[in-house]
Protein backbone atom coordinates (compact mmCIF):
# COMPACT_ATOMS: atom_id res chain seq x y z
CA MET A 1 -31.60 -0.20 13.39
CA VAL A 2 -29.13 2.26 11.70
CA GLY A 3 -26.40 4.63 13.73
CA GLY A 4 -25.82 8.40 13.11
CA ARG A 5 -25.01 11.51 14.74
CA ASN A 6 -26.42 14.96 15.27
CA GLY A 7 -24.14 17.94 14.66
CA GLN A 8 -23.51 20.33 17.28
CA ARG A 9 -26.40 21.81 19.09
CA GLU A 10 -25.07 24.71 21.28
CA GLU A 11 -28.37 25.55 22.50
CA TRP A 12 -28.65 22.17 24.19
CA GLY A 13 -24.90 22.07 25.45
CA ILE A 14 -24.31 18.96 23.33
CA ALA A 15 -21.39 19.00 20.88
CA CYS A 16 -22.34 15.86 19.39
CA TRP A 17 -25.09 13.47 20.10
CA ARG A 18 -24.45 9.78 18.75
CA HIS A 19 -27.57 7.60 18.09
CA TYR A 20 -29.50 4.73 16.62
CA ARG A 21 -32.64 4.59 14.95
CA CYS A 22 -35.26 2.25 12.88
CA GLY A 23 -33.72 1.49 9.41
CA GLY A 24 -36.94 1.90 7.95
CA GLN A 25 -36.92 5.65 8.74
CA GLN A 26 -33.65 5.93 6.78
CA ARG A 27 -34.88 3.78 3.65
CA LEU A 28 -38.70 4.85 3.75
CA GLY A 29 -38.63 8.32 5.29
CA ALA A 30 -39.64 9.45 9.07
CA ALA A 31 -43.31 8.67 8.26
CA SER A 32 -42.46 5.18 8.07
CA CYS A 33 -41.49 4.23 11.68
CA ASP A 34 -42.37 6.10 15.09
CA ALA A 35 -39.72 4.57 17.20
CA PRO A 36 -37.76 6.90 18.89
CA TYR A 37 -34.04 7.53 18.55
CA VAL A 38 -32.18 5.68 21.01
CA ALA A 39 -28.91 7.11 22.38
CA ALA A 40 -26.00 5.29 20.94
CA ASP A 41 -24.14 4.82 24.56
CA GLU A 42 -27.00 3.24 26.11
CA VAL A 43 -27.58 0.58 23.40
CA GLU A 44 -23.93 -0.13 23.09
CA SER A 45 -23.71 -0.81 26.82
CA LEU A 46 -26.57 -3.12 26.75
CA VAL A 47 -24.92 -4.95 23.86
CA VAL A 48 -21.70 -5.42 25.66
CA ASN A 49 -23.17 -6.07 29.17
CA THR A 50 -25.30 -9.06 27.43
CA VAL A 51 -22.56 -10.44 25.70
CA LEU A 52 -20.37 -10.74 28.68
CA ASP A 53 -23.27 -12.02 30.61
CA ARG A 54 -24.54 -14.34 28.00
CA VAL A 55 -21.76 -15.25 25.55
CA LEU A 56 -18.39 -14.71 27.44
CA THR A 57 -19.21 -16.63 30.57
CA PRO A 58 -16.40 -18.17 32.63
CA GLU A 59 -17.48 -21.67 30.96
CA ASN A 60 -17.61 -20.87 27.82
CA PHE A 61 -14.14 -18.82 27.93
CA GLN A 62 -12.51 -21.85 29.39
CA ARG A 63 -13.83 -23.79 26.19
CA LEU A 64 -12.53 -21.14 23.89
CA LEU A 65 -9.04 -21.19 25.78
CA ALA A 66 -8.89 -25.12 25.53
CA LYS A 67 -9.90 -24.64 21.69
CA MET A 68 -6.97 -22.24 21.32
CA ARG A 69 -4.50 -24.14 23.13
CA ALA A 70 -5.21 -27.24 21.29
CA ALA A 71 -5.00 -25.18 17.75
CA LEU A 72 -1.77 -23.47 18.97
CA ALA A 73 -0.32 -27.07 19.73
CA ASP A 74 -0.85 -28.25 16.14
CA PRO A 75 2.44 -27.46 14.40
CA THR A 76 0.64 -26.35 11.11
CA VAL A 77 -1.29 -23.60 13.10
CA ALA A 78 1.58 -22.45 14.79
CA ASP A 79 3.76 -22.40 11.83
CA ALA A 80 1.22 -20.60 9.86
CA LEU A 81 0.88 -17.82 12.73
CA CYS A 82 4.72 -17.25 12.48
CA ALA A 83 4.50 -16.89 8.93
CA GLY A 84 1.97 -14.28 8.90
CA TRP A 85 3.86 -12.49 11.60
CA LYS A 86 7.19 -12.52 9.61
CA GLY A 87 5.45 -11.00 6.49
CA SER A 88 3.78 -8.11 8.74
């Protein structure tokens, strides 16, 4: 899937329409794939909701938080983070 956007379509009342389409259409031409364009907002919403539902579950978040706290308790990690902030 590749992203893109169509320019203004005043006759449709659309200033800009962001979309995704089959990558084969871009590489091999429109005749290579008959999959329709999909509105970017719909795809992106589906991806975010799937990540929230399946990856960032409360259990996974708690595990990640525990790992981050353990890493920050390591003085070498804390020193490296502080060094990075001083250099910015």
